[in-house]
Amino acid sequence: MCILGLNHEQNMKKMRLLTFMQLAEGNSEMTFETIQQELQLQDDEVESFIIDVLKTKLVRARMDQAAKKVFISSTMHRTFGRVQWQQLRDLLFAWKNNLQVTQEGMKTVAAAQIELMAQQ
């Protein structure tokens, strides 16, 4: 059904995806029952919904069908505010520091190799 150029089914799908992402930000694991209740899905729609979510690559997760659970390892933030910018900044600084440590380690190894070759 389209009203004003909007497709109700597509809108519902997008809202469910955004809601799932918001839930996933605060939970490392969710039951199928929780997903079904929070997203107003039928019991037989939960697995296919999770598969659709995983296809978006906005959420990294593993589905355990036997236990009827989803284990979330990471998710894109639904909003990107000051806190997320600070987290990104901290992550980039840590990455820069790790690269500097690696570079210094490589210099030490290279110097040791040069010294060893000079002794032979």
C-alpha atoms as a PDB file:
ATOM      1  CA  MET A   1       0.000   0.000   0.000  1.00  0.00           C
ATOM      2  CA  CYS A   2       1.445   3.396  -1.016  1.00  0.00           C
ATOM      3  CA  ILE A   3       0.286   6.641   0.493  1.00  0.00           C
ATOM      4  CA  LEU A   4       2.017   9.865  -0.568  1.00  0.00           C
ATOM      5  CA  GLY A   5       4.696   7.796  -2.297  1.00  0.00           C
ATOM      6  CA  LEU A   6       5.507   5.887   0.906  1.00  0.00           C
ATOM      7  CA  ASN A   7       5.401   2.117   1.110  1.00  0.00           C
ATOM      8  CA  HIS A   8       4.066   0.937   4.467  1.00  0.00           C
ATOM      9  CA  GLU A   9       5.877  -2.430   4.343  1.00  0.00           C
ATOM     10  CA  GLN A  10       9.221  -0.813   3.505  1.00  0.00           C
ATOM     11  CA  ASN A  11       8.744   1.743   6.271  1.00  0.00           C
ATOM     12  CA  MET A  12       7.961  -1.002   8.791  1.00  0.00           C
ATOM     13  CA  LYS A  13      11.033  -2.947   7.697  1.00  0.00           C
ATOM     14  CA  LYS A  14      13.262   0.125   8.146  1.00  0.00           C
ATOM     15  CA  MET A  15      11.759   0.960  11.538  1.00  0.00           C
ATOM     16  CA  ARG A  16      12.283  -2.619  12.710  1.00  0.00           C
ATOM     17  CA  LEU A  17      15.886  -2.531  11.534  1.00  0.00           C
ATOM     18  CA  LEU A  18      16.534   0.743  13.380  1.00  0.00           C
ATOM     19  CA  THR A  19      14.830  -0.584  16.498  1.00  0.00           C
ATOM     20  CA  PHE A  20      16.875  -3.791  16.358  1.00  0.00           C
ATOM     21  CA  MET A  21      20.082  -1.754  16.008  1.00  0.00           C
ATOM     22  CA  GLN A  22      19.135   0.334  19.026  1.00  0.00           C
ATOM     23  CA  LEU A  23      18.424  -2.815  21.057  1.00  0.00           C
ATOM     24  CA  ALA A  24      21.673  -4.396  19.858  1.00  0.00           C
ATOM     25  CA  GLU A  25      23.720  -1.402  21.048  1.00  0.00           C
ATOM     26  CA  GLY A  26      22.832  -2.210  24.643  1.00  0.00           C
ATOM     27  CA  ASN A  27      22.628  -6.007  24.509  1.00  0.00           C
ATOM     28  CA  SER A  28      25.239  -8.562  23.539  1.00  0.00           C
ATOM     29  CA  GLU A  29      22.606 -11.264  23.338  1.00  0.00           C
ATOM     30  CA  MET A  30      18.864 -11.319  22.641  1.00  0.00           C
ATOM     31  CA  THR A  31      16.290 -14.066  22.594  1.00  0.00           C
ATOM     32  CA  PHE A  32      14.015 -14.630  19.623  1.00  0.00           C
ATOM     33  CA  GLU A  33      11.113 -13.955  21.998  1.00  0.00           C
ATOM     34  CA  THR A  34      12.459 -10.494  22.874  1.00  0.00           C
ATOM     35  CA  ILE A  35      12.988  -9.688  19.209  1.00  0.00           C
ATOM     36  CA  GLN A  36       9.508 -10.914  18.368  1.00  0.00           C
ATOM     37  CA  GLN A  37       7.883  -8.814  21.104  1.00  0.00           C
ATOM     38  CA  GLU A  38       9.926  -5.636  20.608  1.00  0.00           C
ATOM     39  CA  LEU A  39       9.593  -5.640  16.821  1.00  0.00           C
ATOM     40  CA  GLN A  40       6.030  -6.948  16.693  1.00  0.00           C
ATOM     41  CA  LEU A  41       6.912  -9.921  14.496  1.00  0.00           C
ATOM     42  CA  GLN A  42       5.185 -13.242  14.106  1.00  0.00           C
ATOM     43  CA  ASP A  43       7.032 -16.269  15.511  1.00  0.00           C
ATOM     44  CA  ASP A  44       7.835 -17.562  12.013  1.00  0.00           C
ATOM     45  CA  GLU A  45       9.219 -14.154  10.882  1.00  0.00           C
ATOM     46  CA  VAL A  46      12.019 -13.801  13.451  1.00  0.00           C
ATOM     47  CA  GLU A  47      14.711 -15.909  11.749  1.00  0.00           C
ATOM     48  CA  SER A  48      14.202 -14.358   8.322  1.00  0.00           C
ATOM     49  CA  PHE A  49      14.260 -10.889   9.901  1.00  0.00           C
ATOM     50  CA  ILE A  50      17.592 -11.640  11.601  1.00  0.00           C
ATOM     51  CA  ILE A  51      19.013 -12.923   8.310  1.00  0.00           C
ATOM     52  CA  ASP A  52      17.892  -9.691   6.623  1.00  0.00           C
ATOM     53  CA  VAL A  53      19.559  -7.664   9.382  1.00  0.00           C
ATOM     54  CA  LEU A  54      22.825  -9.576   8.963  1.00  0.00           C
ATOM     55  CA  LYS A  55      22.733  -8.968   5.200  1.00  0.00           C
ATOM     56  CA  THR A  56      22.780  -5.199   5.815  1.00  0.00           C
ATOM     57  CA  LYS A  57      26.171  -5.557   7.565  1.00  0.00           C
ATOM     58  CA  LEU A  58      25.036  -2.884  10.010  1.00  0.00           C
ATOM     59  CA  VAL A  59      25.149  -5.493  12.773  1.00  0.00           C
ATOM     60  CA  ARG A  60      27.650  -8.279  13.314  1.00  0.00           C
ATOM     61  CA  ALA A  61      25.997 -11.153  15.070  1.00  0.00           C
ATOM     62  CA  ARG A  62      25.635 -14.902  15.231  1.00  0.00           C
ATOM     63  CA  MET A  63      22.257 -16.588  15.289  1.00  0.00           C
ATOM     64  CA  ASP A  64      21.803 -19.762  17.357  1.00  0.00           C
ATOM     65  CA  GLN A  65      18.589 -21.291  16.045  1.00  0.00           C
ATOM     66  CA  ALA A  66      18.620 -24.174  18.517  1.00  0.00           C
ATOM     67  CA  ALA A  67      18.852 -21.861  21.535  1.00  0.00           C
ATOM     68  CA  LYS A  68      16.665 -19.243  19.796  1.00  0.00           C
ATOM     69  CA  LYS A  69      19.168 -16.481  20.545  1.00  0.00           C
ATOM     70  CA  VAL A  70      21.197 -13.867  18.708  1.00  0.00           C
ATOM     71  CA  PHE A  71      24.705 -13.016  19.934  1.00  0.00           C
ATOM     72  CA  ILE A  72      25.735  -9.502  18.894  1.00  0.00           C
ATOM     73  CA  SER A  73      29.425  -8.715  18.499  1.00  0.00           C
ATOM     74  CA  SER A  74      29.113  -5.190  17.084  1.00  0.00           C
ATOM     75  CA  THR A  75      26.655  -2.746  15.603  1.00  0.00           C
ATOM     76  CA  MET A  76      26.757   0.540  13.755  1.00  0.00           C
ATOM     77  CA  HIS A  77      25.509   3.367  15.921  1.00  0.00           C
ATOM     78  CA  ARG A  78      22.055   4.555  15.051  1.00  0.00           C
ATOM     79  CA  THR A  79      23.119   8.087  15.896  1.00  0.00           C
ATOM     80  CA  PHE A  80      26.610   9.563  15.766  1.00  0.00           C
ATOM     81  CA  GLY A  81      26.945  12.197  18.449  1.00  0.00           C
ATOM     82  CA  ARG A  82      29.684  13.666  20.599  1.00  0.00           C
ATOM     83  CA  VAL A  83      30.279  10.420  22.513  1.00  0.00           C
ATOM     84  CA  GLN A  84      30.779   8.441  19.285  1.00  0.00           C
ATOM     85  CA  TRP A  85      33.178  11.103  17.932  1.00  0.00           C
ATOM     86  CA  GLN A  86      35.188  10.863  21.156  1.00  0.00           C
ATOM     87  CA  GLN A  87      35.245   7.049  20.938  1.00  0.00           C
ATOM     88  CA  LEU A  88      36.433   7.295  17.334  1.00  0.00           C
ATOM     89  CA  ARG A  89      39.114   9.818  18.344  1.00  0.00           C
ATOM     90  CA  ASP A  90      40.333   7.545  21.160  1.00  0.00           C
ATOM     91  CA  LEU A  91      40.375   4.563  18.812  1.00  0.00           C
ATOM     92  CA  LEU A  92      42.390   6.462  16.199  1.00  0.00           C
ATOM     93  CA  PHE A  93      44.896   7.694  18.811  1.00  0.00           C
ATOM     94  CA  ALA A  94      45.328   4.129  20.096  1.00  0.00           C
ATOM     95  CA  TRP A  95      45.816   2.941  16.515  1.00  0.00           C
ATOM     96  CA  LYS A  96      48.428   5.677  15.919  1.00  0.00           C
ATOM     97  CA  ASN A  97      50.291   4.724  19.109  1.00  0.00           C
ATOM     98  CA  ASN A  98      50.252   1.038  18.140  1.00  0.00           C
ATOM     99  CA  LEU A  99      51.704   1.922  14.740  1.00  0.00           C
ATOM    100  CA  GLN A 100      54.482   3.925  16.403  1.00  0.00           C
ATOM    101  CA  VAL A 101      55.310   1.000  18.709  1.00  0.00           C
ATOM    102  CA  THR A 102      55.350  -1.354  15.712  1.00  0.00           C
ATOM    103  CA  GLN A 103      57.567   1.038  13.755  1.00  0.00           C
ATOM    104  CA  GLU A 104      60.045   1.270  16.652  1.00  0.00           C
ATOM    105  CA  GLY A 105      60.047  -2.525  16.943  1.00  0.00           C
ATOM    106  CA  MET A 106      60.778  -2.867  13.223  1.00  0.00           C
ATOM    107  CA  LYS A 107      63.635  -0.354  13.508  1.00  0.00           C
ATOM    108  CA  THR A 108      65.139  -2.425  16.334  1.00  0.00           C
ATOM    109  CA  VAL A 109      64.844  -5.636  14.304  1.00  0.00           C
ATOM    110  CA  ALA A 110      66.356  -3.969  11.227  1.00  0.00           C
ATOM    111  CA  ALA A 111      69.241  -2.563  13.268  1.00  0.00           C
ATOM    112  CA  ALA A 112      69.912  -5.984  14.795  1.00  0.00           C
ATOM    113  CA  GLN A 113      69.895  -7.560  11.310  1.00  0.00           C
ATOM    114  CA  ILE A 114      72.352  -4.954  10.004  1.00  0.00           C
ATOM    115  CA  GLU A 115      74.631  -5.493  13.018  1.00  0.00           C
ATOM    116  CA  LEU A 116      74.500  -9.269  12.577  1.00  0.00           C
ATOM    117  CA  MET A 117      75.368  -9.006   8.880  1.00  0.00           C
ATOM    118  CA  ALA A 118      78.241  -6.639   9.651  1.00  0.00           C
ATOM    119  CA  GLN A 119      79.709  -9.187  12.105  1.00  0.00           C
ATOM    120  CA  GLN A 120      79.753 -11.935   9.481  1.00  0.00           C
END
